[in-house]
Protein backbone atom coordinates (compact mmCIF):
# COMPACT_ATOMS: atom_id res chain seq x y z
CA MET A 1 -10.13 -0.20 4.10
CA ALA A 2 -5.96 -1.92 3.26
CA GLU A 3 -7.05 -2.95 0.14
CA PHE A 4 -8.78 0.05 -0.91
CA LEU A 5 -5.31 2.43 0.53
CA ALA A 6 -3.85 -0.67 -1.56
CA TYR A 7 -6.00 0.25 -4.64
CA ARG A 8 -4.93 4.23 -4.01
CA ILE A 9 -1.33 3.72 -3.74
CA LEU A 10 -1.16 1.60 -7.59
CA GLU A 11 -3.17 4.89 -8.59
CA GLY A 12 -0.58 7.34 -7.66
CA LYS A 13 -2.54 9.25 -5.16
CA LEU A 14 -1.19 7.81 -2.07
CA GLU A 15 1.72 7.77 -0.62
CA TYR A 16 2.71 3.92 0.82
CA LYS A 17 4.39 5.92 3.69
CA LYS A 18 0.83 8.17 4.71
CA VAL A 19 -0.75 4.98 5.22
CA PRO A 20 -1.63 4.60 8.94
CA ALA A 21 0.68 2.77 10.86
CA ARG A 22 -2.11 -0.29 12.02
CA LEU A 23 -2.42 -0.96 8.33
CA LYS A 24 0.96 -0.69 6.86
CA GLU A 25 1.16 -4.40 7.22
CA GLN A 26 -1.83 -5.45 5.51
CA VAL A 27 -1.10 -2.93 2.21
CA LYS A 28 2.43 -4.21 1.96
CA ALA A 29 0.88 -7.67 2.03
CA ILE A 30 -1.48 -6.74 -1.14
CA LEU A 31 0.92 -4.61 -2.98
CA VAL A 32 3.69 -7.56 -2.95
CA ASP A 33 0.45 -10.07 -3.91
CA LEU A 34 0.17 -8.09 -6.25
CA GLY A 35 3.11 -8.00 -8.19
CA HIS A 36 4.25 -3.73 -6.50
CA ALA A 37 6.04 -4.52 -3.89
CA GLU A 38 8.44 -1.62 -5.79
CA LEU A 39 6.21 0.49 -4.30
CA VAL A 40 6.56 -0.10 -0.41
CA THR A 41 8.71 2.93 0.62
CA GLU A 42 9.03 4.24 3.82
């Protein structure tokens, strides 16, 4: 689920601040690994 949400953020269809709290750390790690740390904003 975290990977799905990360790709939704990359596509511009979701904002990091709207990710459920229990998945934020996983989504953050995926975005950083993909080189898109700038998308991790509250």
